[in-house]
Amino acid sequence: MFDIGFWELALIMVVALLVVGPERLPRLARTLGLWVGKARRFVSTVKADIDRELAAEELKKTLAKQAEVPELYDIIEETKQAIKPPEEAPPAAPSPAPPTALEQTPSSDEPDKANDRNR
């Protein structure tokens, strides 16, 4: 970011020590560190916003190019028609199955004629 070497930082620290004094220098360094942190966070959020805007603009351009291609719509419609099952007549109601031997036995409500004959 800045092209500051070791000797430049050492000179700045010596001048700050002489001007501010040893009692207030730690508090000044802490405050300066907080400001630098806030500035870095601000710059990173601005970069992220710019990247998002560029990506959105690129996506809009891509979609506009795709909208200009009419063959794409033809391909999509052909694919839909190929996937879509053919129209069929509605299924008829199932026919009732013939009664089985178990269903033909007399119910308990009906008198048992076989038992009546045996009596």
PDB file of N, CA and C in Angstrom:
ATOM      1  N   MET A   1       0.837  -1.170   0.000  1.00  0.00           N
ATOM      2  CA  MET A   1       0.000   0.000   0.000  1.00  0.00           C
ATOM      3  C   MET A   1       0.890   1.244   0.000  1.00  0.00           C
ATOM      4  N   PHE A   2       1.499   1.529   1.136  1.00  0.00           N
ATOM      5  CA  PHE A   2       2.453   2.640   1.190  1.00  0.00           C
ATOM      6  C   PHE A   2       3.845   2.040   1.090  1.00  0.00           C
ATOM      7  N   ASP A   3       4.732   2.787   0.493  1.00  0.00           N
ATOM      8  CA  ASP A   3       6.097   2.289   0.356  1.00  0.00           C
ATOM      9  C   ASP A   3       6.935   2.883   1.488  1.00  0.00           C
ATOM     10  N   ILE A   4       6.703   2.351   2.697  1.00  0.00           N
ATOM     11  CA  ILE A   4       7.425   2.839   3.871  1.00  0.00           C
ATOM     12  C   ILE A   4       8.309   1.701   4.366  1.00  0.00           C
ATOM     13  N   GLY A   5       9.580   1.954   4.514  1.00  0.00           N
ATOM     14  CA  GLY A   5      10.530   0.956   4.974  1.00  0.00           C
ATOM     15  C   GLY A   5      10.711   1.015   6.485  1.00  0.00           C
ATOM     16  N   PHE A   6      11.635   0.197   6.955  1.00  0.00           N
ATOM     17  CA  PHE A   6      11.898   0.112   8.391  1.00  0.00           C
ATOM     18  C   PHE A   6      12.427   1.432   8.946  1.00  0.00           C
ATOM     19  N   TRP A   7      13.367   2.088   8.256  1.00  0.00           N
ATOM     20  CA  TRP A   7      13.982   3.296   8.785  1.00  0.00           C
ATOM     21  C   TRP A   7      12.986   4.445   8.837  1.00  0.00           C
ATOM     22  N   GLU A   8      12.050   4.496   7.895  1.00  0.00           N
ATOM     23  CA  GLU A   8      11.027   5.534   7.950  1.00  0.00           C
ATOM     24  C   GLU A   8      10.112   5.338   9.158  1.00  0.00           C
ATOM     25  N   LEU A   9       9.734   4.073   9.420  1.00  0.00           N
ATOM     26  CA  LEU A   9       8.892   3.785  10.594  1.00  0.00           C
ATOM     27  C   LEU A   9       9.634   4.097  11.890  1.00  0.00           C
ATOM     28  N   ALA A  10      10.912   3.772  11.950  1.00  0.00           N
ATOM     29  CA  ALA A  10      11.696   4.056  13.152  1.00  0.00           C
ATOM     30  C   ALA A  10      11.780   5.562  13.394  1.00  0.00           C
ATOM     31  N   LEU A  11      11.984   6.347  12.349  1.00  0.00           N
ATOM     32  CA  LEU A  11      12.040   7.802  12.479  1.00  0.00           C
ATOM     33  C   LEU A  11      10.696   8.362  12.952  1.00  0.00           C
ATOM     34  N   ILE A  12       9.586   7.846  12.406  1.00  0.00           N
ATOM     35  CA  ILE A  12       8.251   8.307  12.829  1.00  0.00           C
ATOM     36  C   ILE A  12       8.024   7.968  14.301  1.00  0.00           C
ATOM     37  N   MET A  13       8.425   6.787  14.742  1.00  0.00           N
ATOM     38  CA  MET A  13       8.238   6.391  16.147  1.00  0.00           C
ATOM     39  C   MET A  13       9.073   7.265  17.088  1.00  0.00           C
ATOM     40  N   VAL A  14      10.306   7.597  16.705  1.00  0.00           N
ATOM     41  CA  VAL A  14      11.146   8.464  17.546  1.00  0.00           C
ATOM     42  C   VAL A  14      10.526   9.858  17.653  1.00  0.00           C
ATOM     43  N   VAL A  15      10.059  10.402  16.547  1.00  0.00           N
ATOM     44  CA  VAL A  15       9.438  11.734  16.575  1.00  0.00           C
ATOM     45  C   VAL A  15       8.165  11.687  17.422  1.00  0.00           C
ATOM     46  N   ALA A  16       7.353  10.626  17.277  1.00  0.00           N
ATOM     47  CA  ALA A  16       6.132  10.506  18.078  1.00  0.00           C
ATOM     48  C   ALA A  16       6.468  10.384  19.552  1.00  0.00           C
ATOM     49  N   LEU A  17       7.522   9.658  19.901  1.00  0.00           N
ATOM     50  CA  LEU A  17       7.932   9.520  21.298  1.00  0.00           C
ATOM     51  C   LEU A  17       8.353  10.864  21.872  1.00  0.00           C
ATOM     52  N   LEU A  18       9.075  11.665  21.099  1.00  0.00           N
ATOM     53  CA  LEU A  18       9.516  12.978  21.575  1.00  0.00           C
ATOM     54  C   LEU A  18       8.351  13.956  21.679  1.00  0.00           C
ATOM     55  N   VAL A  19       7.434  13.927  20.726  1.00  0.00           N
ATOM     56  CA  VAL A  19       6.334  14.893  20.717  1.00  0.00           C
ATOM     57  C   VAL A  19       5.266  14.522  21.731  1.00  0.00           C
ATOM     58  N   VAL A  20       4.822  13.270  21.736  1.00  0.00           N
ATOM     59  CA  VAL A  20       3.699  12.853  22.584  1.00  0.00           C
ATOM     60  C   VAL A  20       4.170  12.520  23.996  1.00  0.00           C
ATOM     61  N   GLY A  21       5.298  11.905  24.106  1.00  0.00           N
ATOM     62  CA  GLY A  21       5.799  11.514  25.425  1.00  0.00           C
ATOM     63  C   GLY A  21       5.527  10.039  25.672  1.00  0.00           C
ATOM     64  N   PRO A  22       6.296   9.437  26.585  1.00  0.00           N
ATOM     65  CA  PRO A  22       6.180   7.996  26.828  1.00  0.00           C
ATOM     66  C   PRO A  22       4.875   7.593  27.525  1.00  0.00           C
ATOM     67  N   GLU A  23       4.215   8.522  28.232  1.00  0.00           N
ATOM     68  CA  GLU A  23       2.987   8.161  28.946  1.00  0.00           C
ATOM     69  C   GLU A  23       1.804   8.000  27.991  1.00  0.00           C
ATOM     70  N   ARG A  24       1.730   8.877  27.008  1.00  0.00           N
ATOM     71  CA  ARG A  24       0.572   8.856  26.103  1.00  0.00           C
ATOM     72  C   ARG A  24       0.839   8.083  24.813  1.00  0.00           C
ATOM     73  N   LEU A  25       2.034   7.635  24.554  1.00  0.00           N
ATOM     74  CA  LEU A  25       2.361   6.939  23.309  1.00  0.00           C
ATOM     75  C   LEU A  25       1.588   5.620  23.156  1.00  0.00           C
ATOM     76  N   PRO A  26       1.454   4.769  24.174  1.00  0.00           N
ATOM     77  CA  PRO A  26       0.672   3.516  23.990  1.00  0.00           C
ATOM     78  C   PRO A  26      -0.791   3.786  23.627  1.00  0.00           C
ATOM     79  N   ARG A  27      -1.381   4.786  24.283  1.00  0.00           N
ATOM     80  CA  ARG A  27      -2.778   5.124  23.985  1.00  0.00           C
ATOM     81  C   ARG A  27      -2.901   5.650  22.551  1.00  0.00           C
ATOM     82  N   LEU A  28      -1.937   6.457  22.107  1.00  0.00           N
ATOM     83  CA  LEU A  28      -1.924   6.972  20.743  1.00  0.00           C
ATOM     84  C   LEU A  28      -1.759   5.835  19.737  1.00  0.00           C
ATOM     85  N   ALA A  29      -0.885   4.880  20.031  1.00  0.00           N
ATOM     86  CA  ALA A  29      -0.670   3.740  19.132  1.00  0.00           C
ATOM     87  C   ALA A  29      -1.941   2.893  19.030  1.00  0.00           C
ATOM     88  N   ARG A  30      -2.627   2.692  20.160  1.00  0.00           N
ATOM     89  CA  ARG A  30      -3.866   1.919  20.163  1.00  0.00           C
ATOM     90  C   ARG A  30      -4.940   2.620  19.335  1.00  0.00           C
ATOM     91  N   THR A  31      -5.080   3.927  19.514  1.00  0.00           N
ATOM     92  CA  THR A  31      -6.058   4.695  18.755  1.00  0.00           C
ATOM     93  C   THR A  31      -5.728   4.681  17.265  1.00  0.00           C
ATOM     94  N   LEU A  32      -4.458   4.858  16.953  1.00  0.00           N
ATOM     95  CA  LEU A  32      -4.033   4.826  15.560  1.00  0.00           C
ATOM     96  C   LEU A  32      -4.306   3.453  14.942  1.00  0.00           C
ATOM     97  N   GLY A  33      -4.077   2.385  15.698  1.00  0.00           N
ATOM     98  CA  GLY A  33      -4.363   1.019  15.214  1.00  0.00           C
ATOM     99  C   GLY A  33      -5.845   0.816  14.946  1.00  0.00           C
ATOM    100  N   LEU A  34      -6.704   1.359  15.815  1.00  0.00           N
ATOM    101  CA  LEU A  34      -8.147   1.254  15.595  1.00  0.00           C
ATOM    102  C   LEU A  34      -8.566   1.975  14.318  1.00  0.00           C
ATOM    103  N   TRP A  35      -7.998   3.167  14.101  1.00  0.00           N
ATOM    104  CA  TRP A  35      -8.331   3.938  12.891  1.00  0.00           C
ATOM    105  C   TRP A  35      -7.875   3.201  11.635  1.00  0.00           C
ATOM    106  N   VAL A  36      -6.681   2.639  11.696  1.00  0.00           N
ATOM    107  CA  VAL A  36      -6.173   1.896  10.541  1.00  0.00           C
ATOM    108  C   VAL A  36      -7.067   0.669  10.269  1.00  0.00           C
ATOM    109  N   GLY A  37      -7.502  -0.009  11.323  1.00  0.00           N
ATOM    110  CA  GLY A  37      -8.395  -1.161  11.167  1.00  0.00           C
ATOM    111  C   GLY A  37      -9.718  -0.774  10.534  1.00  0.00           C
ATOM    112  N   LYS A  38     -10.285   0.351  10.998  1.00  0.00           N
ATOM    113  CA  LYS A  38     -11.539   0.832  10.415  1.00  0.00           C
ATOM    114  C   LYS A  38     -11.359   1.197   8.949  1.00  0.00           C
ATOM    115  N   ALA A  39     -10.241   1.832   8.633  1.00  0.00           N
ATOM    116  CA  ALA A  39      -9.974   2.212   7.239  1.00  0.00           C
ATOM    117  C   ALA A  39      -9.839   0.967   6.364  1.00  0.00           C
ATOM    118  N   ARG A  40      -9.155  -0.054   6.858  1.00  0.00           N
ATOM    119  CA  ARG A  40      -9.011  -1.291   6.076  1.00  0.00           C
ATOM    120  C   ARG A  40     -10.354  -1.968   5.864  1.00  0.00           C
ATOM    121  N   ARG A  41     -11.188  -2.032   6.909  1.00  0.00           N
ATOM    122  CA  ARG A  41     -12.518  -2.636   6.761  1.00  0.00           C
ATOM    123  C   ARG A  41     -13.360  -1.860   5.754  1.00  0.00           C
ATOM    124  N   PHE A  42     -13.262  -0.531   5.796  1.00  0.00           N
ATOM    125  CA  PHE A  42     -14.013   0.296   4.861  1.00  0.00           C
ATOM    126  C   PHE A  42     -13.566   0.022   3.427  1.00  0.00           C
ATOM    127  N   VAL A  43     -12.269  -0.035   3.216  1.00  0.00           N
ATOM    128  CA  VAL A  43     -11.746  -0.288   1.876  1.00  0.00           C
ATOM    129  C   VAL A  43     -12.163  -1.681   1.400  1.00  0.00           C
ATOM    130  N   SER A  44     -12.126  -2.672   2.285  1.00  0.00           N
ATOM    131  CA  SER A  44     -12.507  -4.023   1.868  1.00  0.00           C
ATOM    132  C   SER A  44     -13.994  -4.107   1.531  1.00  0.00           C
ATOM    133  N   THR A  45     -14.862  -3.404   2.267  1.00  0.00           N
ATOM    134  CA  THR A  45     -16.289  -3.418   1.932  1.00  0.00           C
ATOM    135  C   THR A  45     -16.550  -2.702   0.609  1.00  0.00           C
ATOM    136  N   VAL A  46     -15.818  -1.617   0.353  1.00  0.00           N
ATOM    137  CA  VAL A  46     -15.978  -0.913  -0.926  1.00  0.00           C
ATOM    138  C   VAL A  46     -15.531  -1.823  -2.071  1.00  0.00           C
ATOM    139  N   LYS A  47     -14.414  -2.531  -1.891  1.00  0.00           N
ATOM    140  CA  LYS A  47     -13.949  -3.463  -2.922  1.00  0.00           C
ATOM    141  C   LYS A  47     -14.978  -4.560  -3.172  1.00  0.00           C
ATOM    142  N   ALA A  48     -15.552  -5.101  -2.096  1.00  0.00           N
ATOM    143  CA  ALA A  48     -16.552  -6.166  -2.240  1.00  0.00           C
ATOM    144  C   ALA A  48     -17.785  -5.639  -2.976  1.00  0.00           C
ATOM    145  N   ASP A  49     -18.220  -4.420  -2.669  1.00  0.00           N
ATOM    146  CA  ASP A  49     -19.370  -3.832  -3.361  1.00  0.00           C
ATOM    147  C   ASP A  49     -19.080  -3.636  -4.846  1.00  0.00           C
ATOM    148  N   ILE A  50     -17.902  -3.168  -5.151  1.00  0.00           N
ATOM    149  CA  ILE A  50     -17.533  -2.965  -6.558  1.00  0.00           C
ATOM    150  C   ILE A  50     -17.484  -4.304  -7.287  1.00  0.00           C
ATOM    151  N   ASP A  51     -16.916  -5.330  -6.650  1.00  0.00           N
ATOM    152  CA  ASP A  51     -16.862  -6.655  -7.273  1.00  0.00           C
ATOM    153  C   ASP A  51     -18.266  -7.196  -7.536  1.00  0.00           C
ATOM    154  N   ARG A  52     -19.179  -7.015  -6.567  1.00  0.00           N
ATOM    155  CA  ARG A  52     -20.555  -7.473  -6.760  1.00  0.00           C
ATOM    156  C   ARG A  52     -21.237  -6.741  -7.906  1.00  0.00           C
ATOM    157  N   GLU A  53     -21.014  -5.432  -7.998  1.00  0.00           N
ATOM    158  CA  GLU A  53     -21.607  -4.658  -9.085  1.00  0.00           C
ATOM    159  C   GLU A  53     -21.055  -5.099 -10.437  1.00  0.00           C
ATOM    160  N   LEU A  54     -19.751  -5.351 -10.504  1.00  0.00           N
ATOM    161  CA  LEU A  54     -19.157  -5.808 -11.755  1.00  0.00           C
ATOM    162  C   LEU A  54     -19.693  -7.187 -12.154  1.00  0.00           C
ATOM    163  N   ALA A  55     -19.849  -8.066 -11.177  1.00  0.00           N
ATOM    164  CA  ALA A  55     -20.388  -9.399 -11.467  1.00  0.00           C
ATOM    165  C   ALA A  55     -21.834  -9.296 -11.945  1.00  0.00           C
ATOM    166  N   ALA A  56     -22.616  -8.420 -11.328  1.00  0.00           N
ATOM    167  CA  ALA A  56     -24.007  -8.243 -11.742  1.00  0.00           C
ATOM    168  C   ALA A  56     -24.083  -7.670 -13.155  1.00  0.00           C
ATOM    169  N   GLU A  57     -23.212  -6.722 -13.452  1.00  0.00           N
ATOM    170  CA  GLU A  57     -23.194  -6.132 -14.795  1.00  0.00           C
ATOM    171  C   GLU A  57     -22.784  -7.172 -15.839  1.00  0.00           C
ATOM    172  N   GLU A  58     -21.814  -7.998 -15.498  1.00  0.00           N
ATOM    173  CA  GLU A  58     -21.377  -9.053 -16.414  1.00  0.00           C
ATOM    174  C   GLU A  58     -22.504 -10.055 -16.652  1.00  0.00           C
ATOM    175  N   LEU A  59     -23.242 -10.384 -15.604  1.00  0.00           N
ATOM    176  CA  LEU A  59     -24.369 -11.305 -15.731  1.00  0.00           C
ATOM    177  C   LEU A  59     -25.456 -10.702 -16.617  1.00  0.00           C
ATOM    178  N   LYS A  60     -25.724  -9.413 -16.460  1.00  0.00           N
ATOM    179  CA  LYS A  60     -26.718  -8.749 -17.307  1.00  0.00           C
ATOM    180  C   LYS A  60     -26.309  -8.793 -18.769  1.00  0.00           C
ATOM    181  N   LYS A  61     -25.032  -8.570 -19.036  1.00  0.00           N
ATOM    182  CA  LYS A  61     -24.544  -8.619 -20.419  1.00  0.00           C
ATOM    183  C   LYS A  61     -24.684 -10.024 -21.002  1.00  0.00           C
ATOM    184  N   THR A  62     -24.365 -11.024 -20.203  1.00  0.00           N
ATOM    185  CA  THR A  62     -24.481 -12.406 -20.660  1.00  0.00           C
ATOM    186  C   THR A  62     -25.929 -12.757 -20.960  1.00  0.00           C
ATOM    187  N   LEU A  63     -26.844 -12.351 -20.093  1.00  0.00           N
ATOM    188  CA  LEU A  63     -28.259 -12.619 -20.321  1.00  0.00           C
ATOM    189  C   LEU A  63     -28.774 -11.884 -21.557  1.00  0.00           C
ATOM    190  N   ALA A  64     -28.295 -10.674 -21.774  1.00  0.00           N
ATOM    191  CA  ALA A  64     -28.703  -9.925 -22.957  1.00  0.00           C
ATOM    192  C   ALA A  64     -28.216 -10.626 -24.227  1.00  0.00           C
ATOM    193  N   LYS A  65     -26.996 -11.152 -24.207  1.00  0.00           N
ATOM    194  CA  LYS A  65     -26.482 -11.884 -25.371  1.00  0.00           C
ATOM    195  C   LYS A  65     -27.308 -13.140 -25.624  1.00  0.00           C
ATOM    196  N   GLN A  66     -27.686 -13.830 -24.563  1.00  0.00           N
ATOM    197  CA  GLN A  66     -28.481 -15.042 -24.724  1.00  0.00           C
ATOM    198  C   GLN A  66     -29.877 -14.713 -25.240  1.00  0.00           C
ATOM    199  N   ALA A  67     -30.427 -13.580 -24.850  1.00  0.00           N
ATOM    200  CA  ALA A  67     -31.758 -13.195 -25.323  1.00  0.00           C
ATOM    201  C   ALA A  67     -31.737 -12.878 -26.808  1.00  0.00           C
ATOM    202  N   GLU A  68     -30.600 -12.465 -27.331  1.00  0.00           N
ATOM    203  CA  GLU A  68     -30.484 -12.138 -28.747  1.00  0.00           C
ATOM    204  C   GLU A  68     -30.413 -13.377 -29.628  1.00  0.00           C
ATOM    205  N   VAL A  69     -30.160 -14.531 -29.048  1.00  0.00           N
ATOM    206  CA  VAL A  69     -29.993 -15.756 -29.822  1.00  0.00           C
ATOM    207  C   VAL A  69     -31.345 -16.471 -29.886  1.00  0.00           C
ATOM    208  N   PRO A  70     -32.056 -16.418 -31.042  1.00  0.00           N
ATOM    209  CA  PRO A  70     -33.377 -17.064 -31.118  1.00  0.00           C
ATOM    210  C   PRO A  70     -33.288 -18.586 -31.161  1.00  0.00           C
ATOM    211  N   GLU A  71     -32.148 -19.138 -31.609  1.00  0.00           N
ATOM    212  CA  GLU A  71     -32.022 -20.591 -31.665  1.00  0.00           C
ATOM    213  C   GLU A  71     -32.138 -21.211 -30.276  1.00  0.00           C
ATOM    214  N   LEU A  72     -31.737 -20.469 -29.279  1.00  0.00           N
ATOM    215  CA  LEU A  72     -31.795 -20.984 -27.921  1.00  0.00           C
ATOM    216  C   LEU A  72     -33.234 -21.297 -27.533  1.00  0.00           C
ATOM    217  N   TYR A  73     -34.157 -20.399 -27.890  1.00  0.00           N
ATOM    218  CA  TYR A  73     -35.563 -20.645 -27.572  1.00  0.00           C
ATOM    219  C   TYR A  73     -36.096 -21.851 -28.341  1.00  0.00           C
ATOM    220  N   ASP A  74     -35.657 -22.011 -29.588  1.00  0.00           N
ATOM    221  CA  ASP A  74     -36.090 -23.163 -30.369  1.00  0.00           C
ATOM    222  C   ASP A  74     -35.596 -24.454 -29.737  1.00  0.00           C
ATOM    223  N   ILE A  75     -34.362 -24.463 -29.294  1.00  0.00           N
ATOM    224  CA  ILE A  75     -33.800 -25.655 -28.655  1.00  0.00           C
ATOM    225  C   ILE A  75     -34.550 -25.977 -27.372  1.00  0.00           C
ATOM    226  N   ILE A  76     -34.876 -24.958 -26.619  1.00  0.00           N
ATOM    227  CA  ILE A  76     -35.603 -25.167 -25.358  1.00  0.00           C
ATOM    228  C   ILE A  76     -36.979 -25.751 -25.640  1.00  0.00           C
ATOM    229  N   GLU A  77     -37.686 -25.212 -26.623  1.00  0.00           N
ATOM    230  CA  GLU A  77     -39.021 -25.707 -26.949  1.00  0.00           C
ATOM    231  C   GLU A  77     -38.961 -27.139 -27.475  1.00  0.00           C
ATOM    232  N   GLU A  78     -37.979 -27.454 -28.319  1.00  0.00           N
ATOM    233  CA  GLU A  78     -37.831 -28.817 -28.817  1.00  0.00           C
ATOM    234  C   GLU A  78     -37.573 -29.789 -27.678  1.00  0.00           C
ATOM    235  N   THR A  79     -36.757 -29.374 -26.733  1.00  0.00           N
ATOM    236  CA  THR A  79     -36.454 -30.225 -25.580  1.00  0.00           C
ATOM    237  C   THR A  79     -37.699 -30.439 -24.730  1.00  0.00           C
ATOM    238  N   LYS A  80     -38.481 -29.382 -24.537  1.00  0.00           N
ATOM    239  CA  LYS A  80     -39.719 -29.521 -23.756  1.00  0.00           C
ATOM    240  C   LYS A  80     -40.669 -30.503 -24.426  1.00  0.00           C
ATOM    241  N   GLN A  81     -40.796 -30.395 -25.752  1.00  0.00           N
ATOM    242  CA  GLN A  81     -41.687 -31.290 -26.474  1.00  0.00           C
ATOM    243  C   GLN A  81     -41.190 -32.731 -26.420  1.00  0.00           C
ATOM    244  N   ALA A  82     -39.879 -32.915 -26.452  1.00  0.00           N
ATOM    245  CA  ALA A  82     -39.323 -34.267 -26.409  1.00  0.00           C
ATOM    246  C   ALA A  82     -39.516 -34.897 -25.029  1.00  0.00           C
ATOM    247  N   ILE A  83     -39.436 -34.099 -24.008  1.00  0.00           N
ATOM    248  CA  ILE A  83     -39.575 -34.610 -22.643  1.00  0.00           C
ATOM    249  C   ILE A  83     -41.034 -34.830 -22.272  1.00  0.00           C
ATOM    250  N   LYS A  84     -41.919 -33.981 -22.769  1.00  0.00           N
ATOM    251  CA  LYS A  84     -43.338 -34.028 -22.414  1.00  0.00           C
ATOM    252  C   LYS A  84     -43.949 -35.323 -22.933  1.00  0.00           C
ATOM    253  N   PRO A  85     -44.652 -36.085 -22.080  1.00  0.00           N
ATOM    254  CA  PRO A  85     -45.282 -37.320 -22.549  1.00  0.00           C
ATOM    255  C   PRO A  85     -46.445 -36.979 -23.484  1.00  0.00           C
ATOM    256  N   PRO A  86     -46.756 -37.875 -24.420  1.00  0.00           N
ATOM    257  CA  PRO A  86     -47.865 -37.601 -25.341  1.00  0.00           C
ATOM    258  C   PRO A  86     -49.179 -37.546 -24.572  1.00  0.00           C
ATOM    259  N   GLU A  87     -50.086 -36.751 -25.094  1.00  0.00           N
ATOM    260  CA  GLU A  87     -51.399 -36.618 -24.470  1.00  0.00           C
ATOM    261  C   GLU A  87     -52.124 -37.961 -24.589  1.00  0.00           C
ATOM    262  N   GLU A  88     -52.614 -38.485 -23.500  1.00  0.00           N
ATOM    263  CA  GLU A  88     -53.336 -39.750 -23.498  1.00  0.00           C
ATOM    264  C   GLU A  88     -54.767 -39.511 -23.060  1.00  0.00           C
ATOM    265  N   ALA A  89     -55.634 -40.431 -23.441  1.00  0.00           N
ATOM    266  CA  ALA A  89     -57.021 -40.352 -22.992  1.00  0.00           C
ATOM    267  C   ALA A  89     -57.044 -40.647 -21.503  1.00  0.00           C
ATOM    268  N   PRO A  90     -58.001 -40.063 -20.802  1.00  0.00           N
ATOM    269  CA  PRO A  90     -58.049 -40.338 -19.361  1.00  0.00           C
ATOM    270  C   PRO A  90     -58.318 -41.819 -19.133  1.00  0.00           C
ATOM    271  N   PRO A  91     -57.700 -42.406 -18.135  1.00  0.00           N
ATOM    272  CA  PRO A  91     -57.879 -43.845 -17.903  1.00  0.00           C
ATOM    273  C   PRO A  91     -59.320 -44.153 -17.521  1.00  0.00           C
ATOM    274  N   ALA A  92     -59.833 -45.276 -18.055  1.00  0.00           N
ATOM    275  CA  ALA A  92     -61.196 -45.703 -17.745  1.00  0.00           C
ATOM    276  C   ALA A  92     -61.236 -46.218 -16.317  1.00  0.00           C
ATOM    277  N   ALA A  93     -62.450 -46.195 -15.759  1.00  0.00           N
ATOM    278  CA  ALA A  93     -62.609 -46.694 -14.390  1.00  0.00           C
ATOM    279  C   ALA A  93     -62.348 -48.197 -14.408  1.00  0.00           C
ATOM    280  N   PRO A  94     -61.649 -48.713 -13.429  1.00  0.00           N
ATOM    281  CA  PRO A  94     -61.354 -50.150 -13.422  1.00  0.00           C
ATOM    282  C   PRO A  94     -62.635 -50.955 -13.251  1.00  0.00           C
ATOM    283  N   SER A  95     -62.719 -52.064 -13.974  1.00  0.00           N
ATOM    284  CA  SER A  95     -63.909 -52.921 -13.866  1.00  0.00           C
ATOM    285  C   SER A  95     -63.829 -53.692 -12.562  1.00  0.00           C
ATOM    286  N   PRO A  96     -64.992 -53.939 -11.953  1.00  0.00           N
ATOM    287  CA  PRO A  96     -64.966 -54.676 -10.681  1.00  0.00           C
ATOM    288  C   PRO A  96     -64.540 -56.119 -10.917  1.00  0.00           C
ATOM    289  N   ALA A  97     -63.766 -56.638 -10.005  1.00  0.00           N
ATOM    290  CA  ALA A  97     -63.277 -58.008 -10.123  1.00  0.00           C
ATOM    291  C   ALA A  97     -64.400 -58.977  -9.756  1.00  0.00           C
ATOM    292  N   PRO A  98     -64.427 -60.154 -10.365  1.00  0.00           N
ATOM    293  CA  PRO A  98     -65.468 -61.139 -10.001  1.00  0.00           C
ATOM    294  C   PRO A  98     -65.262 -61.599  -8.568  1.00  0.00           C
ATOM    295  N   PRO A  99     -66.315 -61.909  -7.862  1.00  0.00           N
ATOM    296  CA  PRO A  99     -66.183 -62.320  -6.451  1.00  0.00           C
ATOM    297  C   PRO A  99     -65.400 -63.616  -6.338  1.00  0.00           C
ATOM    298  N   THR A 100     -64.612 -63.696  -5.325  1.00  0.00           N
ATOM    299  CA  THR A 100     -63.821 -64.895  -5.083  1.00  0.00           C
ATOM    300  C   THR A 100     -64.625 -65.875  -4.253  1.00  0.00           C
ATOM    301  N   ALA A 101     -64.072 -67.038  -4.044  1.00  0.00           N
ATOM    302  CA  ALA A 101     -64.773 -68.079  -3.290  1.00  0.00           C
ATOM    303  C   ALA A 101     -65.007 -67.639  -1.856  1.00  0.00           C
ATOM    304  N   LEU A 102     -64.096 -66.888  -1.280  1.00  0.00           N
ATOM    305  CA  LEU A 102     -64.273 -66.436   0.100  1.00  0.00           C
ATOM    306  C   LEU A 102     -65.396 -65.422   0.210  1.00  0.00           C
ATOM    307  N   GLU A 103     -65.556 -64.637  -0.825  1.00  0.00           N
ATOM    308  CA  GLU A 103     -66.604 -63.622  -0.789  1.00  0.00           C
ATOM    309  C   GLU A 103     -67.976 -64.235  -1.024  1.00  0.00           C
ATOM    310  N   GLN A 104     -68.052 -65.443  -1.569  1.00  0.00           N
ATOM    311  CA  GLN A 104     -69.326 -66.078  -1.862  1.00  0.00           C
ATOM    312  C   GLN A 104     -69.880 -66.848  -0.673  1.00  0.00           C
ATOM    313  N   THR A 105     -69.159 -66.972   0.395  1.00  0.00           N
ATOM    314  CA  THR A 105     -69.666 -67.672   1.572  1.00  0.00           C
ATOM    315  C   THR A 105     -70.750 -66.839   2.209  1.00  0.00           C
ATOM    316  N   PRO A 106     -71.734 -67.443   2.813  1.00  0.00           N
ATOM    317  CA  PRO A 106     -72.832 -66.679   3.425  1.00  0.00           C
ATOM    318  C   PRO A 106     -72.330 -65.879   4.607  1.00  0.00           C
ATOM    319  N   SER A 107     -72.939 -64.743   4.792  1.00  0.00           N
ATOM    320  CA  SER A 107     -72.543 -63.906   5.917  1.00  0.00           C
ATOM    321  C   SER A 107     -73.198 -64.402   7.183  1.00  0.00           C
ATOM    322  N   SER A 108     -72.784 -63.918   8.311  1.00  0.00           N
ATOM    323  CA  SER A 108     -73.313 -64.382   9.591  1.00  0.00           C
ATOM    324  C   SER A 108     -74.731 -63.891   9.815  1.00  0.00           C
ATOM    325  N   ASP A 109     -75.191 -62.860   9.089  1.00  0.00           N
ATOM    326  CA  ASP A 109     -76.552 -62.351   9.242  1.00  0.00           C
ATOM    327  C   ASP A 109     -77.571 -63.260   8.556  1.00  0.00           C
ATOM    328  N   GLU A 110     -77.161 -63.931   7.478  1.00  0.00           N
ATOM    329  CA  GLU A 110     -78.070 -64.809   6.751  1.00  0.00           C
ATOM    330  C   GLU A 110     -78.168 -66.142   7.494  1.00  0.00           C
ATOM    331  N   PRO A 111     -79.321 -66.687   7.517  1.00  0.00           N
ATOM    332  CA  PRO A 111     -79.440 -68.007   8.170  1.00  0.00           C
ATOM    333  C   PRO A 111     -78.692 -69.057   7.372  1.00  0.00           C
ATOM    334  N   ASP A 112     -78.091 -69.908   8.061  1.00  0.00           N
ATOM    335  CA  ASP A 112     -77.322 -70.959   7.420  1.00  0.00           C
ATOM    336  C   ASP A 112     -78.280 -72.056   6.985  1.00  0.00           C
ATOM    337  N   LYS A 113     -78.569 -72.130   5.704  1.00  0.00           N
ATOM    338  CA  LYS A 113     -79.537 -73.087   5.170  1.00  0.00           C
ATOM    339  C   LYS A 113     -79.034 -74.505   5.321  1.00  0.00           C
ATOM    340  N   ALA A 114     -77.729 -74.664   5.224  1.00  0.00           N
ATOM    341  CA  ALA A 114     -77.189 -76.010   5.361  1.00  0.00           C
ATOM    342  C   ALA A 114     -77.432 -76.540   6.766  1.00  0.00           C
ATOM    343  N   ASN A 115     -77.308 -75.724   7.766  1.00  0.00           N
ATOM    344  CA  ASN A 115     -77.540 -76.148   9.146  1.00  0.00           C
ATOM    345  C   ASN A 115     -79.011 -76.397   9.379  1.00  0.00           C
ATOM    346  N   ASP A 116     -79.880 -75.613   8.716  1.00  0.00           N
ATOM    347  CA  ASP A 116     -81.314 -75.806   8.882  1.00  0.00           C
ATOM    348  C   ASP A 116     -81.762 -77.151   8.292  1.00  0.00           C
ATOM    349  N   ARG A 117     -81.178 -77.568   7.224  1.00  0.00           N
ATOM    350  CA  ARG A 117     -81.542 -78.834   6.593  1.00  0.00           C
ATOM    351  C   ARG A 117     -81.125 -80.017   7.460  1.00  0.00           C
ATOM    352  N   ASN A 118     -80.008 -79.831   8.151  1.00  0.00           N
ATOM    353  CA  ASN A 118     -79.516 -80.930   8.973  1.00  0.00           C
ATOM    354  C   ASN A 118     -80.324 -81.082  10.245  1.00  0.00           C
ATOM    355  N   ARG A 119     -81.117 -80.192  10.628  1.00  0.00           N
ATOM    356  CA  ARG A 119     -81.859 -80.266  11.883  1.00  0.00           C
ATOM    357  C   ARG A 119     -83.113 -80.971  11.741  1.00  0.00           C
TER     358      ARG A 119
END
